[in-house]
């Protein structure tokens, strides 16, 4: 018990001495040991790294999980060292709702069939999102968190210890000055305390310097993690794009229950007089015998790539311009497209009619 009391009293004395030294420095009444410019630059660079790493980490968390309640739940599970339950993504939930609705409406109808196709695509998008979130958390978020909760805490601890030893060193310098004025015996003791304090300060300064210089390797590690994050994000968006392209192709081949106004106007204005006398079924249409009408042709911009299903169709490349027109009796979801000497049926949903 006596030992604890003495230790407590000693600690309180050291704390009081440091507080006095710190206050006198702020008031300009005591000298302060300054660190060299290189050391100050290392500390400034470390502070900058910590601040921006923390901001990037927090905002990446928001990007990957916009729901604050879900983030808090994941944080609590992490602190309790328990695995968070698997959470279905919004896209997967939407896809499930669409497929359930298709069962209610009837999967054989145009709307129900389309709901099933779109629902399947949404579930694939959700699965891709889940994989992206897991990859990003492992390859990017975890290294940033390890730095903030591991390396930076160690650096901060050593910097606080260095600051305390600096205060002790400067307090010893102050006592030595006072002792030289008072008596020689006290000066000898003060000089010894100063040498000990200087040795401890120099040792701690070297330890802290080595830790601060390690910030450069931290930047290299974070750069590698950032590249992995970008690759994961690029793969995710590429996968989503492919899923949506496949969905558009599937929808383009489905019988739709609606007619686009632009295509319908072409049918009624360009070929209404001929429909009454010579209806032509799309299935029996011979592309090589089709001739462009004198009026009613329009320019169209291709929105997406399209691969022809057979010789009667025309393959398309996104962003190219083609000439389109309709023929009597054609399905309103299709037009005849011409590109140079090539021509064939093209789906209206893949086009933007210009003029």
Protein backbone atom coordinates (compact mmCIF):
# COMPACT_ATOMS: atom_id res chain seq x y z
CA UNK A 1 0.00 0.00 0.00
CA UNK A 2 2.86 2.36 0.88
CA UNK A 3 4.47 1.60 -2.49
CA UNK A 4 1.30 2.49 -4.36
CA UNK A 5 0.93 5.75 -2.47
CA UNK A 6 4.52 6.71 -3.21
CA UNK A 7 4.09 5.81 -6.87
CA UNK A 8 0.91 7.84 -7.06
CA UNK A 9 2.60 10.80 -5.40
CA UNK A 10 5.58 10.53 -7.75
CA UNK A 11 3.32 10.38 -10.80
CA UNK A 12 1.37 13.39 -9.59
CA UNK A 13 4.62 15.29 -9.10
CA UNK A 14 5.79 14.51 -12.63
CA UNK A 15 2.42 15.52 -14.05
CA UNK A 16 2.50 18.80 -12.12
CA UNK A 17 6.06 19.55 -13.29
CA UNK A 18 5.09 18.94 -16.92
CA UNK A 19 1.99 21.10 -16.55
CA UNK A 20 4.06 23.96 -15.13
CA UNK A 21 6.64 23.63 -17.92
CA UNK A 22 3.94 23.55 -20.61
CA UNK A 23 2.21 26.62 -19.15
CA UNK A 24 5.44 28.60 -18.88
CA UNK A 25 6.29 27.74 -22.50
CA UNK A 26 2.92 29.02 -23.65
CA UNK A 27 3.48 32.22 -21.68
CA UNK A 28 6.99 32.60 -23.08
CA UNK A 29 8.61 32.25 -19.65
CA UNK A 30 10.53 29.03 -20.34
CA UNK A 31 12.63 27.71 -23.18
CA UNK A 32 11.39 24.91 -25.43
CA UNK A 33 13.50 22.30 -27.18
CA UNK A 34 12.70 22.52 -30.88
CA UNK A 35 12.76 19.49 -33.14
CA UNK A 36 14.71 19.68 -36.39
CA UNK A 37 12.94 20.69 -39.62
CA UNK A 38 13.04 17.16 -41.06
CA UNK A 39 11.36 15.76 -37.96
CA UNK A 40 8.68 18.45 -38.04
CA UNK A 41 8.05 17.67 -41.72
CA UNK A 42 7.66 13.96 -40.92
CA UNK A 43 5.07 14.73 -38.23
CA UNK A 44 3.16 17.08 -40.53
CA UNK A 45 3.12 14.43 -43.27
CA UNK A 46 1.92 11.81 -40.81
CA UNK A 47 -0.93 14.05 -39.60
CA UNK A 48 -1.95 14.73 -43.21
CA UNK A 49 -1.91 11.00 -43.99
CA UNK A 50 -4.06 10.21 -40.97
CA UNK A 51 -6.63 12.93 -41.68
CA UNK A 52 -7.13 12.05 -45.35
CA UNK A 53 -7.06 8.31 -44.76
CA UNK A 54 -9.82 8.75 -42.19
CA UNK A 55 -11.94 10.82 -44.58
CA UNK A 56 -11.44 8.37 -47.47
CA UNK A 57 -12.27 5.45 -45.18
CA UNK A 58 -15.49 7.04 -43.89
CA UNK A 59 -16.71 8.07 -47.34
CA UNK A 60 -15.92 4.65 -48.81
CA UNK A 61 -18.03 3.14 -46.05
CA UNK A 62 -20.90 5.43 -47.08
CA UNK A 63 -20.42 4.46 -50.74
CA UNK A 64 -20.48 0.74 -50.04
CA UNK A 65 -23.27 0.92 -47.45
CA UNK A 66 -25.43 4.09 -47.70
CA UNK A 67 -27.76 2.96 -44.89
CA UNK A 68 -26.51 4.47 -41.57
CA UNK A 69 -28.41 1.90 -39.49
CA UNK A 70 -26.79 -0.96 -41.38
CA UNK A 71 -23.34 0.59 -40.85
CA UNK A 72 -23.98 0.89 -37.10
CA UNK A 73 -25.14 -2.72 -36.99
CA UNK A 74 -22.00 -3.91 -38.80
CA UNK A 75 -19.85 -1.82 -36.43
CA UNK A 76 -21.46 -3.41 -33.36
CA UNK A 77 -21.01 -6.92 -34.74
CA UNK A 78 -17.36 -6.13 -35.44
CA UNK A 79 -16.75 -4.80 -31.92
CA UNK A 80 -18.47 -7.86 -30.43
CA UNK A 81 -16.23 -10.03 -32.62
CA UNK A 82 -19.24 -11.70 -34.20
CA UNK A 83 -20.01 -12.33 -37.86
CA UNK A 84 -22.67 -10.01 -39.25
CA UNK A 85 -25.67 -11.80 -40.81
CA UNK A 86 -25.80 -11.90 -44.59
CA UNK A 87 -27.91 -9.04 -45.94
CA UNK A 88 -29.79 -9.24 -49.25
CA UNK A 89 -29.02 -6.38 -51.63
CA UNK A 90 -31.70 -4.00 -52.88
CA UNK A 91 -31.33 -5.26 -56.45
CA UNK A 92 -31.81 -8.87 -55.33
CA UNK A 93 -34.91 -7.89 -53.35
CA UNK A 94 -36.33 -6.01 -56.34
CA UNK A 95 -35.69 -9.00 -58.59
CA UNK A 96 -37.47 -11.29 -56.13
CA UNK A 97 -40.49 -8.96 -56.02
CA UNK A 98 -40.65 -8.86 -59.83
CA UNK A 99 -40.57 -12.63 -60.13
CA UNK A 100 -43.21 -13.03 -57.42
CA UNK A 101 -45.39 -10.48 -59.23
CA UNK A 102 -44.98 -12.41 -62.49
CA UNK A 103 -46.39 -15.51 -60.82
CA UNK A 104 -49.44 -13.52 -59.67
CA UNK A 105 -50.01 -11.81 -63.04
CA UNK A 106 -49.33 -14.91 -65.11
CA UNK A 107 -45.90 -15.78 -66.44
CA UNK A 108 -47.28 -16.59 -69.89
CA UNK A 109 -48.38 -13.02 -70.66
CA UNK A 110 -46.14 -10.30 -72.10
CA UNK A 111 -45.96 -8.38 -68.82
CA UNK A 112 -45.35 -11.45 -66.67
CA UNK A 113 -42.72 -12.82 -69.05
CA UNK A 114 -40.90 -9.48 -69.07
CA UNK A 115 -41.06 -9.26 -65.28
CA UNK A 116 -39.37 -12.65 -65.02
CA UNK A 117 -36.56 -11.64 -67.38
CA UNK A 118 -35.97 -8.29 -65.66
CA UNK A 119 -36.20 -9.91 -62.23
CA UNK A 120 -33.53 -12.46 -63.15
CA UNK A 121 -31.28 -9.65 -64.37
CA UNK A 122 -31.81 -7.63 -61.18
CA UNK A 123 -30.86 -10.64 -59.08
CA UNK A 124 -27.68 -11.08 -61.12
CA UNK A 125 -26.91 -7.39 -60.62
CA UNK A 126 -27.46 -7.84 -56.89
CA UNK A 127 -25.11 -10.81 -56.79
CA UNK A 128 -22.46 -8.78 -58.63
CA UNK A 129 -22.95 -5.94 -56.14
CA UNK A 130 -22.54 -8.32 -53.21
CA UNK A 131 -19.27 -9.64 -54.66
CA UNK A 132 -18.03 -6.07 -55.24
CA UNK A 133 -18.84 -5.07 -51.65
CA UNK A 134 -17.01 -8.07 -50.22
CA UNK A 135 -13.95 -7.55 -52.43
CA UNK A 136 -13.77 -3.83 -51.64
CA UNK A 137 -14.11 -4.41 -47.91
CA UNK A 138 -11.24 -6.91 -47.89
CA UNK A 139 -8.85 -5.26 -50.34
CA UNK A 140 -9.44 -1.57 -49.54
CA UNK A 141 -11.36 -0.83 -46.34
CA UNK A 142 -9.55 -3.35 -44.13
CA UNK A 143 -6.00 -2.01 -44.84
CA UNK A 144 -7.16 1.56 -44.19
CA UNK A 145 -8.80 0.54 -40.92
CA UNK A 146 -5.71 -1.43 -39.89
CA UNK A 147 -3.60 1.69 -40.38
CA UNK A 148 -5.95 3.92 -38.37
CA UNK A 149 -6.47 1.43 -35.54
CA UNK A 150 -2.98 -0.07 -35.52
CA UNK A 151 -0.07 1.89 -36.98
CA UNK A 152 -1.50 5.31 -36.24
CA UNK A 153 -2.30 4.49 -32.62
CA UNK A 154 1.28 3.33 -32.14
CA UNK A 155 2.62 6.51 -33.73
CA UNK A 156 0.34 8.67 -31.57
CA UNK A 157 1.40 6.85 -28.42
CA UNK A 158 5.11 7.32 -29.18
CA UNK A 159 4.57 10.99 -30.06
CA UNK A 160 2.82 11.62 -26.74
CA UNK A 161 5.67 9.90 -24.93
CA UNK A 162 8.18 12.02 -26.86
CA UNK A 163 6.32 15.20 -25.91
CA UNK A 164 6.32 14.20 -22.23
CA UNK A 165 10.06 13.50 -22.33
CA UNK A 166 10.64 16.85 -24.02
CA UNK A 167 8.78 18.58 -21.21
CA UNK A 168 10.89 16.66 -18.68
CA UNK A 169 14.06 17.66 -20.53
CA UNK A 170 13.15 21.33 -20.62
CA UNK A 171 12.14 21.21 -16.95
CA UNK A 172 15.59 19.80 -16.13
CA UNK A 173 17.21 22.62 -18.10
CA UNK A 174 15.21 25.14 -16.10
CA UNK A 175 16.17 23.53 -12.78
CA UNK A 176 19.83 23.50 -13.81
CA UNK A 177 19.78 27.22 -14.50
CA UNK A 178 18.24 27.90 -11.11
CA UNK A 179 20.69 25.54 -9.36
CA UNK A 180 23.73 27.27 -10.87
CA UNK A 181 22.53 30.50 -9.39
CA UNK A 182 21.84 28.93 -5.96
CA UNK A 183 24.69 26.51 -5.11
CA UNK A 184 27.21 24.21 -6.79
CA UNK A 185 26.04 20.98 -5.10
CA UNK A 186 22.53 21.39 -6.42
CA UNK A 187 23.96 22.16 -9.86
CA UNK A 188 25.76 18.79 -10.00
CA UNK A 189 22.52 16.94 -9.28
CA UNK A 190 20.63 19.03 -11.82
CA UNK A 191 23.26 18.34 -14.49
CA UNK A 192 22.92 14.59 -13.88
CA UNK A 193 19.14 14.80 -14.21
CA UNK A 194 19.57 16.78 -17.41
CA UNK A 195 21.90 14.18 -18.94
CA UNK A 196 19.45 11.38 -18.10
CA UNK A 197 16.52 13.36 -19.50
CA UNK A 198 18.49 14.20 -22.66
CA UNK A 199 19.38 10.53 -23.21
CA UNK A 200 15.77 9.40 -22.80
CA UNK A 201 14.54 12.17 -25.07
CA UNK A 202 17.06 11.34 -27.82
CA UNK A 203 16.18 7.64 -27.65
CA UNK A 204 12.46 8.34 -27.90
CA UNK A 205 13.01 10.84 -30.71
CA UNK A 206 14.79 8.16 -32.73
CA UNK A 207 11.98 5.64 -32.13
CA UNK A 208 9.37 8.19 -33.18
CA UNK A 209 11.40 9.22 -36.22
CA UNK A 210 11.57 5.62 -37.47
CA UNK A 211 7.80 5.23 -37.09
CA UNK A 212 7.12 8.49 -38.93
CA UNK A 213 9.45 7.54 -41.77
CA UNK A 214 7.38 4.38 -42.16
CA UNK A 215 4.52 6.55 -43.47
CA UNK A 216 6.11 6.31 -46.93
CA UNK A 217 5.66 2.54 -46.96
CA UNK A 218 2.08 3.10 -45.78
CA UNK A 219 1.47 5.23 -48.87
CA UNK A 220 2.85 2.46 -51.09
CA UNK A 221 0.58 -0.10 -49.43
CA UNK A 222 -2.48 2.15 -49.73
CA UNK A 223 -1.65 2.78 -53.40
CA UNK A 224 -1.73 -0.96 -54.07
CA UNK A 225 -5.04 -1.26 -52.21
CA UNK A 226 -6.45 1.68 -54.18
CA UNK A 227 -5.56 -0.02 -57.48
CA UNK A 228 -7.31 -3.19 -56.31
CA UNK A 229 -10.38 -1.14 -55.37
CA UNK A 230 -10.48 0.49 -58.81
CA UNK A 231 -10.13 -2.91 -60.50
CA UNK A 232 -12.98 -4.32 -58.40
CA UNK A 233 -15.16 -1.32 -59.22
CA UNK A 234 -14.38 -1.56 -62.94
CA UNK A 235 -15.14 -5.29 -62.97
CA UNK A 236 -18.43 -4.66 -61.15
CA UNK A 237 -19.63 -1.98 -63.59
CA UNK A 238 -18.50 -4.05 -66.57
CA UNK A 239 -20.45 -7.02 -65.28
CA UNK A 240 -23.52 -4.84 -64.74
CA UNK A 241 -23.20 -3.47 -68.28
CA UNK A 242 -23.02 -6.98 -69.74
CA UNK A 243 -26.06 -8.09 -67.73
CA UNK A 244 -28.06 -5.10 -68.99
CA UNK A 245 -27.01 -5.70 -72.60
CA UNK A 246 -28.12 -9.33 -72.36
CA UNK A 247 -31.42 -8.21 -70.85
CA UNK A 248 -32.03 -5.71 -73.66
CA UNK A 249 -31.36 -8.38 -76.27
CA UNK A 250 -33.79 -10.75 -74.58
CA UNK A 251 -36.47 -8.07 -74.30
CA UNK A 252 -35.93 -7.17 -77.96
CA UNK A 253 -36.91 -10.71 -78.93
CA UNK A 254 -39.98 -10.87 -76.69
CA UNK A 255 -43.45 -10.07 -78.11
CA UNK A 256 -44.29 -6.67 -76.64
CA UNK A 257 -47.81 -5.52 -75.86
CA UNK A 258 -47.08 -1.86 -76.67
CA UNK A 259 -46.10 0.07 -79.77
CA UNK A 260 -43.64 2.94 -79.87
CA UNK A 261 -45.31 6.12 -81.09
CA UNK A 262 -42.46 6.96 -83.43
CA UNK A 263 -42.58 3.61 -85.20
CA UNK A 264 -46.37 3.63 -85.28
CA UNK A 265 -46.42 7.05 -86.96
CA UNK A 266 -44.07 5.76 -89.66
CA UNK A 267 -46.38 2.83 -90.33
CA UNK A 268 -49.48 4.99 -90.65
CA UNK A 269 -47.97 7.85 -92.68
CA UNK A 270 -45.55 6.09 -94.99
CA UNK A 271 -47.45 2.95 -95.93
CA UNK A 272 -51.12 3.31 -95.00
CA UNK A 273 -52.37 3.30 -98.64
CA UNK A 274 -50.57 0.05 -99.43
CA UNK A 275 -51.71 -1.88 -96.35
CA UNK A 276 -55.20 -2.34 -97.67
CA UNK A 277 -54.08 -3.95 -100.91
CA UNK A 278 -50.88 -5.85 -100.19
CA UNK A 279 -50.37 -6.94 -96.58
CA UNK A 280 -47.01 -8.71 -96.17
CA UNK A 281 -46.26 -10.90 -93.17
CA UNK A 282 -42.87 -10.39 -91.52
CA UNK A 283 -42.12 -14.09 -91.58
CA UNK A 284 -42.53 -14.23 -95.40
CA UNK A 285 -40.66 -10.98 -96.05
CA UNK A 286 -37.70 -11.48 -98.40
CA UNK A 287 -35.08 -8.91 -97.48
CA UNK A 288 -33.31 -9.05 -100.84
CA UNK A 289 -36.54 -8.03 -102.59
CA UNK A 290 -37.28 -5.10 -100.28
CA UNK A 291 -36.90 -1.67 -101.84
CA UNK A 292 -36.76 1.59 -99.91
CA UNK A 293 -39.91 3.70 -100.43
CA UNK A 294 -39.66 7.05 -102.15
CA UNK A 295 -40.86 8.75 -98.97
CA UNK A 296 -40.97 7.77 -95.32
CA UNK A 297 -37.30 6.88 -94.75
CA UNK A 298 -35.64 8.24 -91.62
CA UNK A 299 -32.22 8.38 -90.03
CA UNK A 300 -31.70 6.54 -86.76
CA UNK A 301 -28.87 6.35 -84.23
CA UNK A 302 -28.07 2.90 -82.85
CA UNK A 303 -28.20 2.86 -79.04
CA UNK A 304 -26.75 -0.59 -78.36
CA UNK A 305 -24.87 -3.35 -80.16
CA UNK A 306 -27.15 -5.97 -81.70
CA UNK A 307 -26.23 -9.35 -83.18
CA UNK A 308 -28.48 -10.52 -85.99
CA UNK A 309 -30.36 -13.72 -85.14
CA UNK A 310 -30.62 -14.81 -88.80
CA UNK A 311 -29.95 -13.64 -92.35
CA UNK A 312 -33.10 -11.49 -92.42
CA UNK A 313 -31.78 -9.24 -89.64
CA UNK A 314 -29.06 -6.58 -89.70
CA UNK A 315 -26.34 -6.53 -87.03
CA UNK A 316 -25.85 -3.15 -85.36
CA UNK A 317 -23.01 -1.29 -83.67
CA UNK A 318 -23.68 1.27 -80.96
CA UNK A 319 -23.55 4.96 -82.05
CA UNK A 320 -23.64 4.27 -85.81
CA UNK A 321 -26.22 5.97 -88.08
CA UNK A 322 -28.45 3.94 -90.39
CA UNK A 323 -31.46 4.57 -92.62
CA UNK A 324 -34.72 2.96 -91.51
CA UNK A 325 -38.20 2.53 -92.94
CA UNK A 326 -41.14 0.21 -92.54
CA UNK A 327 -42.98 -2.13 -94.88
CA UNK A 328 -46.68 -2.95 -95.00
CA UNK A 329 -47.66 -5.67 -92.54
CA UNK A 330 -44.42 -5.57 -90.52
CA UNK A 331 -44.44 -6.03 -86.77
CA UNK A 332 -44.42 -2.54 -85.24
CA UNK A 333 -41.44 -3.53 -83.05
CA UNK A 334 -39.23 -3.93 -86.13
CA UNK A 335 -38.04 -1.72 -88.99
CA UNK A 336 -35.99 -2.28 -92.12
CA UNK A 337 -32.50 -0.86 -91.65
CA UNK A 338 -29.98 -0.02 -94.38
CA UNK A 339 -26.25 0.60 -94.06
CA UNK A 340 -24.58 0.99 -97.43
CA UNK A 341 -25.37 -2.16 -99.44
CA UNK A 342 -26.48 -4.06 -96.33
CA UNK A 343 -30.07 -4.19 -95.13
CA UNK A 344 -32.21 -6.23 -92.79
CA UNK A 345 -34.71 -6.10 -89.96
CA UNK A 346 -33.69 -4.17 -86.85
CA UNK A 347 -35.47 -3.87 -83.46
CA UNK A 348 -37.00 -0.45 -82.77
CA UNK A 349 -35.94 -0.59 -79.09
CA UNK A 350 -32.29 -0.42 -80.14
CA UNK A 351 -32.75 2.81 -82.11
CA UNK A 352 -33.18 6.52 -81.58
CA UNK A 353 -35.11 7.96 -84.53
CA UNK A 354 -33.59 11.27 -85.60
CA UNK A 355 -35.46 12.59 -88.63
